[in-house]
Amino acid sequence: MKKSGLPQGWNSCDVASSLPIRISTRLTFLHKFVLPPLGIGFFLFVMVSSFAGVLPGQIGNPGLLPWIALLGAILGTLLAYWLPFRFKEVWLERDRLVISNFLATEMIPFANVAEIRCWTFLSPNLVNLRLSHDSPFGKSIYFVAPWRPDVWIFHEHPLVRQLRDEVSKSQCSAKPGNN
């Protein structure tokens, strides 16, 4: 029996039935609001410790390490706020996606989804929905796919394939003459 990659017990027939179905991880809040400050705090701790000369092997000769730590803190801070702050919670509801940034919620029809990309070098996968028209959240929606033990690094989450199929079916049926 083929694994669908969708949440347990979900198949394409469920799309038209009782919904919404969460397709982003339940840990979005953690990824967006808790982990970035912890990461930034770690980078800043290493940077301050390296300038103070208290890191192991650095006694009396700070050398280049503090400047590398400063560069790492700057780049780490930018990355820790730029990417996770864009994460959204995403649900599937009939022929549309329900997207929330914890302050506002919007419904995006499948017809507005131009492309679905998956960052397979991250586990769990990061998914990027590229929209054909602007939404209140912009033209690009990022969410973290739920973690699965059978989806390893460099492997696309099965949920992404299923989402692409649902979007494609919806877009085909929305074209004139395809009733």
C-alpha atoms as a PDB file:
ATOM      1  CA  MET A   1       0.000   0.000   0.000  1.00  0.00           C
ATOM      2  CA  LYS A   2       1.385   3.400  -1.037  1.00  0.00           C
ATOM      3  CA  LYS A   3       1.948   5.981   1.679  1.00  0.00           C
ATOM      4  CA  SER A   4       0.168   9.216   0.856  1.00  0.00           C
ATOM      5  CA  GLY A   5       2.398  11.473   2.967  1.00  0.00           C
ATOM      6  CA  LEU A   6      -0.606  13.318   4.325  1.00  0.00           C
ATOM      7  CA  PRO A   7      -1.621  13.541   7.935  1.00  0.00           C
ATOM      8  CA  GLN A   8      -2.714  10.188   9.309  1.00  0.00           C
ATOM      9  CA  GLY A   9      -5.931   9.050   7.657  1.00  0.00           C
ATOM     10  CA  TRP A  10      -6.036  11.882   5.099  1.00  0.00           C
ATOM     11  CA  ASN A  11      -6.674  11.197   1.430  1.00  0.00           C
ATOM     12  CA  SER A  12      -7.836  13.278  -1.513  1.00  0.00           C
ATOM     13  CA  CYS A  13     -11.474  12.492  -0.738  1.00  0.00           C
ATOM     14  CA  ASP A  14     -11.037  14.268   2.594  1.00  0.00           C
ATOM     15  CA  VAL A  15     -10.310  17.557   0.839  1.00  0.00           C
ATOM     16  CA  ALA A  16     -13.995  17.977   0.040  1.00  0.00           C
ATOM     17  CA  SER A  17     -15.185  16.732   3.430  1.00  0.00           C
ATOM     18  CA  SER A  18     -14.861  18.125   6.938  1.00  0.00           C
ATOM     19  CA  LEU A  19     -11.949  20.497   7.159  1.00  0.00           C
ATOM     20  CA  PRO A  20      -9.621  22.346   7.803  1.00  0.00           C
ATOM     21  CA  ILE A  21      -6.643  19.985   7.765  1.00  0.00           C
ATOM     22  CA  ARG A  22      -3.371  21.301   9.198  1.00  0.00           C
ATOM     23  CA  ILE A  23      -0.507  20.877   6.735  1.00  0.00           C
ATOM     24  CA  SER A  24       2.112  22.882   8.630  1.00  0.00           C
ATOM     25  CA  THR A  25       3.819  21.613  11.745  1.00  0.00           C
ATOM     26  CA  ARG A  26       2.202  22.193  15.119  1.00  0.00           C
ATOM     27  CA  LEU A  27       5.572  23.597  16.207  1.00  0.00           C
ATOM     28  CA  THR A  28       5.334  26.722  14.026  1.00  0.00           C
ATOM     29  CA  PHE A  29       5.064  28.970  17.095  1.00  0.00           C
ATOM     30  CA  LEU A  30       8.234  27.399  18.528  1.00  0.00           C
ATOM     31  CA  HIS A  31      10.109  27.782  15.198  1.00  0.00           C
ATOM     32  CA  LYS A  32       8.939  31.375  14.783  1.00  0.00           C
ATOM     33  CA  PHE A  33       9.060  32.905  18.264  1.00  0.00           C
ATOM     34  CA  VAL A  34      11.068  30.709  20.673  1.00  0.00           C
ATOM     35  CA  LEU A  35      14.048  29.255  18.777  1.00  0.00           C
ATOM     36  CA  PRO A  36      15.268  32.472  17.068  1.00  0.00           C
ATOM     37  CA  PRO A  37      15.866  34.390  20.342  1.00  0.00           C
ATOM     38  CA  LEU A  38      17.621  31.330  21.803  1.00  0.00           C
ATOM     39  CA  GLY A  39      19.874  31.071  18.727  1.00  0.00           C
ATOM     40  CA  ILE A  40      20.630  34.778  18.758  1.00  0.00           C
ATOM     41  CA  GLY A  41      21.401  34.591  22.480  1.00  0.00           C
ATOM     42  CA  PHE A  42      23.850  31.736  21.822  1.00  0.00           C
ATOM     43  CA  PHE A  43      25.590  33.675  19.032  1.00  0.00           C
ATOM     44  CA  LEU A  44      25.869  36.752  21.252  1.00  0.00           C
ATOM     45  CA  PHE A  45      27.202  34.685  24.170  1.00  0.00           C
ATOM     46  CA  VAL A  46      29.933  33.170  21.989  1.00  0.00           C
ATOM     47  CA  MET A  47      30.799  36.589  20.561  1.00  0.00           C
ATOM     48  CA  VAL A  48      31.064  38.284  23.973  1.00  0.00           C
ATOM     49  CA  SER A  49      32.998  35.325  25.391  1.00  0.00           C
ATOM     50  CA  SER A  50      35.466  35.406  22.504  1.00  0.00           C
ATOM     51  CA  PHE A  51      36.071  39.171  22.878  1.00  0.00           C
ATOM     52  CA  ALA A  52      36.527  38.656  26.637  1.00  0.00           C
ATOM     53  CA  GLY A  53      39.076  35.918  25.894  1.00  0.00           C
ATOM     54  CA  VAL A  54      37.413  33.286  28.082  1.00  0.00           C
ATOM     55  CA  LEU A  55      36.779  30.588  25.472  1.00  0.00           C
ATOM     56  CA  PRO A  56      38.892  27.399  25.814  1.00  0.00           C
ATOM     57  CA  GLY A  57      42.242  27.660  24.033  1.00  0.00           C
ATOM     58  CA  GLN A  58      42.017  31.440  23.788  1.00  0.00           C
ATOM     59  CA  ILE A  59      43.788  32.471  27.004  1.00  0.00           C
ATOM     60  CA  GLY A  60      45.898  35.580  26.464  1.00  0.00           C
ATOM     61  CA  ASN A  61      45.676  35.467  22.644  1.00  0.00           C
ATOM     62  CA  PRO A  62      42.235  36.280  21.285  1.00  0.00           C
ATOM     63  CA  GLY A  63      43.489  36.578  17.684  1.00  0.00           C
ATOM     64  CA  LEU A  64      40.956  36.244  14.895  1.00  0.00           C
ATOM     65  CA  LEU A  65      38.285  34.289  16.799  1.00  0.00           C
ATOM     66  CA  PRO A  66      36.394  37.322  18.195  1.00  0.00           C
ATOM     67  CA  TRP A  67      36.005  38.795  14.716  1.00  0.00           C
ATOM     68  CA  ILE A  68      34.792  35.474  13.319  1.00  0.00           C
ATOM     69  CA  ALA A  69      32.343  35.259  16.231  1.00  0.00           C
ATOM     70  CA  LEU A  70      31.172  38.816  15.521  1.00  0.00           C
ATOM     71  CA  LEU A  71      30.559  37.970  11.853  1.00  0.00           C
ATOM     72  CA  GLY A  72      28.753  34.762  12.912  1.00  0.00           C
ATOM     73  CA  ALA A  73      26.592  36.715  15.377  1.00  0.00           C
ATOM     74  CA  ILE A  74      25.623  39.256  12.722  1.00  0.00           C
ATOM     75  CA  LEU A  75      24.838  36.655  10.053  1.00  0.00           C
ATOM     76  CA  GLY A  76      23.137  34.341  12.564  1.00  0.00           C
ATOM     77  CA  THR A  77      20.951  37.158  13.876  1.00  0.00           C
ATOM     78  CA  LEU A  78      19.909  38.204  10.373  1.00  0.00           C
ATOM     79  CA  LEU A  79      19.096  34.615   9.375  1.00  0.00           C
ATOM     80  CA  ALA A  80      17.347  33.832  12.670  1.00  0.00           C
ATOM     81  CA  TYR A  81      14.938  36.718  12.198  1.00  0.00           C
ATOM     82  CA  TRP A  82      14.593  36.852   8.422  1.00  0.00           C
ATOM     83  CA  LEU A  83      13.507  33.276   7.749  1.00  0.00           C
ATOM     84  CA  PRO A  84      11.579  32.052  10.820  1.00  0.00           C
ATOM     85  CA  PHE A  85       9.689  35.304  11.149  1.00  0.00           C
ATOM     86  CA  ARG A  86       8.162  34.573   7.727  1.00  0.00           C
ATOM     87  CA  PHE A  87       6.783  31.166   8.830  1.00  0.00           C
ATOM     88  CA  LYS A  88       3.024  30.748   8.701  1.00  0.00           C
ATOM     89  CA  GLU A  89       0.533  28.168   9.900  1.00  0.00           C
ATOM     90  CA  VAL A  90      -1.238  26.569   6.933  1.00  0.00           C
ATOM     91  CA  TRP A  91      -4.431  24.521   6.727  1.00  0.00           C
ATOM     92  CA  LEU A  92      -6.132  22.942   3.762  1.00  0.00           C
ATOM     93  CA  GLU A  93      -9.825  23.705   3.364  1.00  0.00           C
ATOM     94  CA  ARG A  94     -11.701  22.485   0.288  1.00  0.00           C
ATOM     95  CA  ASP A  95     -10.199  24.360  -2.681  1.00  0.00           C
ATOM     96  CA  ARG A  96      -8.193  26.890  -0.717  1.00  0.00           C
ATOM     97  CA  LEU A  97      -5.454  27.308   1.835  1.00  0.00           C
ATOM     98  CA  VAL A  98      -6.079  28.987   5.172  1.00  0.00           C
ATOM     99  CA  ILE A  99      -2.933  30.852   6.207  1.00  0.00           C
ATOM    100  CA  SER A 100      -2.215  32.491   9.547  1.00  0.00           C
ATOM    101  CA  ASN A 101       0.689  34.498  10.924  1.00  0.00           C
ATOM    102  CA  PHE A 102      -0.803  34.349  14.479  1.00  0.00           C
ATOM    103  CA  LEU A 103      -2.220  37.872  14.103  1.00  0.00           C
ATOM    104  CA  ALA A 104      -4.263  37.589  10.921  1.00  0.00           C
ATOM    105  CA  THR A 105      -5.777  34.765   8.900  1.00  0.00           C
ATOM    106  CA  GLU A 106      -6.343  34.762   5.146  1.00  0.00           C
ATOM    107  CA  MET A 107      -7.881  32.308   2.697  1.00  0.00           C
ATOM    108  CA  ILE A 108      -5.901  31.812  -0.504  1.00  0.00           C
ATOM    109  CA  PRO A 109      -7.606  29.925  -3.350  1.00  0.00           C
ATOM    110  CA  PHE A 110      -5.613  27.145  -5.027  1.00  0.00           C
ATOM    111  CA  ALA A 111      -5.969  29.102  -8.280  1.00  0.00           C
ATOM    112  CA  ASN A 112      -3.633  31.722  -6.757  1.00  0.00           C
ATOM    113  CA  VAL A 113      -0.863  29.154  -6.080  1.00  0.00           C
ATOM    114  CA  ALA A 114       1.665  29.414  -8.918  1.00  0.00           C
ATOM    115  CA  GLU A 115       4.359  27.085  -7.569  1.00  0.00           C
ATOM    116  CA  ILE A 116       5.174  24.893  -4.581  1.00  0.00           C
ATOM    117  CA  ARG A 117       8.830  24.498  -3.647  1.00  0.00           C
ATOM    118  CA  CYS A 118      10.333  22.308  -0.966  1.00  0.00           C
ATOM    119  CA  TRP A 119      13.696  22.893   0.681  1.00  0.00           C
ATOM    120  CA  THR A 120      14.842  19.284   0.999  1.00  0.00           C
ATOM    121  CA  PHE A 121      18.196  20.083   2.621  1.00  0.00           C
ATOM    122  CA  LEU A 122      16.306  20.877   5.820  1.00  0.00           C
ATOM    123  CA  SER A 123      14.567  18.322   7.978  1.00  0.00           C
ATOM    124  CA  PRO A 124      11.700  18.862   8.572  1.00  0.00           C
ATOM    125  CA  ASN A 125      11.218  20.338   5.108  1.00  0.00           C
ATOM    126  CA  LEU A 126      10.594  24.025   4.581  1.00  0.00           C
ATOM    127  CA  VAL A 127       7.847  24.617   2.012  1.00  0.00           C
ATOM    128  CA  ASN A 128       7.478  27.766  -0.084  1.00  0.00           C
ATOM    129  CA  LEU A 129       4.165  28.561  -1.742  1.00  0.00           C
ATOM    130  CA  ARG A 130       4.686  31.060  -4.571  1.00  0.00           C
ATOM    131  CA  LEU A 131       1.489  32.947  -5.340  1.00  0.00           C
ATOM    132  CA  SER A 132       0.477  34.377  -8.702  1.00  0.00           C
ATOM    133  CA  HIS A 133      -1.120  37.431  -7.054  1.00  0.00           C
ATOM    134  CA  ASP A 134      -0.215  39.411  -3.970  1.00  0.00           C
ATOM    135  CA  SER A 135      -1.821  38.398  -0.699  1.00  0.00           C
ATOM    136  CA  PRO A 136      -1.760  40.245   2.638  1.00  0.00           C
ATOM    137  CA  PHE A 137       1.282  38.057   3.428  1.00  0.00           C
ATOM    138  CA  GLY A 138       3.050  38.829   0.133  1.00  0.00           C
ATOM    139  CA  LYS A 139       3.686  36.612  -2.894  1.00  0.00           C
ATOM    140  CA  SER A 140       5.641  33.974  -0.982  1.00  0.00           C
ATOM    141  CA  ILE A 141       4.328  31.912   1.939  1.00  0.00           C
ATOM    142  CA  TYR A 142       6.722  29.776   3.987  1.00  0.00           C
ATOM    143  CA  PHE A 143       5.746  26.978   6.323  1.00  0.00           C
ATOM    144  CA  VAL A 144       7.467  24.041   7.978  1.00  0.00           C
ATOM    145  CA  ALA A 145       6.084  20.644   7.011  1.00  0.00           C
ATOM    146  CA  PRO A 146       5.297  18.255   9.866  1.00  0.00           C
ATOM    147  CA  TRP A 147       8.219  16.068  10.878  1.00  0.00           C
ATOM    148  CA  ARG A 148       8.014  12.444   9.775  1.00  0.00           C
ATOM    149  CA  PRO A 149      10.515   9.716  10.645  1.00  0.00           C
ATOM    150  CA  ASP A 150      10.534   8.472   7.032  1.00  0.00           C
ATOM    151  CA  VAL A 151      11.415  11.855   5.488  1.00  0.00           C
ATOM    152  CA  TRP A 152      15.149  12.419   5.682  1.00  0.00           C
ATOM    153  CA  ILE A 153      17.354  15.225   4.469  1.00  0.00           C
ATOM    154  CA  PHE A 154      17.305  15.624   0.659  1.00  0.00           C
ATOM    155  CA  HIS A 155      13.921  13.848   0.434  1.00  0.00           C
ATOM    156  CA  GLU A 156      10.759  15.763  -0.355  1.00  0.00           C
ATOM    157  CA  HIS A 157       7.913  15.461   2.112  1.00  0.00           C
ATOM    158  CA  PRO A 158       5.031  13.434   0.571  1.00  0.00           C
ATOM    159  CA  LEU A 159       2.649  16.149   1.711  1.00  0.00           C
ATOM    160  CA  VAL A 160       4.231  18.480  -0.871  1.00  0.00           C
ATOM    161  CA  ARG A 161       3.453  16.095  -3.747  1.00  0.00           C
ATOM    162  CA  GLN A 162      -0.114  15.686  -2.523  1.00  0.00           C
ATOM    163  CA  LEU A 163      -0.531  19.439  -2.157  1.00  0.00           C
ATOM    164  CA  ARG A 164       0.769  19.926  -5.708  1.00  0.00           C
ATOM    165  CA  ASP A 165      -1.777  17.351  -6.942  1.00  0.00           C
ATOM    166  CA  GLU A 166      -4.645  19.074  -5.129  1.00  0.00           C
ATOM    167  CA  VAL A 167      -3.629  22.489  -6.471  1.00  0.00           C
ATOM    168  CA  SER A 168      -3.284  21.096  -9.998  1.00  0.00           C
ATOM    169  CA  LYS A 169      -6.709  19.391  -9.846  1.00  0.00           C
ATOM    170  CA  SER A 170      -8.314  22.561  -8.557  1.00  0.00           C
ATOM    171  CA  GLN A 171      -6.665  24.727 -11.204  1.00  0.00           C
ATOM    172  CA  CYS A 172      -7.682  22.338 -14.012  1.00  0.00           C
ATOM    173  CA  SER A 173     -11.307  22.306 -12.893  1.00  0.00           C
ATOM    174  CA  ALA A 174     -11.308  26.111 -12.579  1.00  0.00           C
ATOM    175  CA  LYS A 175     -10.336  26.616 -16.240  1.00  0.00           C
ATOM    176  CA  PRO A 176     -13.213  27.548 -18.573  1.00  0.00           C
ATOM    177  CA  GLY A 177     -14.737  24.510 -20.264  1.00  0.00           C
ATOM    178  CA  ASN A 178     -13.573  22.048 -17.563  1.00  0.00           C
ATOM    179  CA  ASN A 179     -16.765  21.557 -15.578  1.00  0.00           C
END
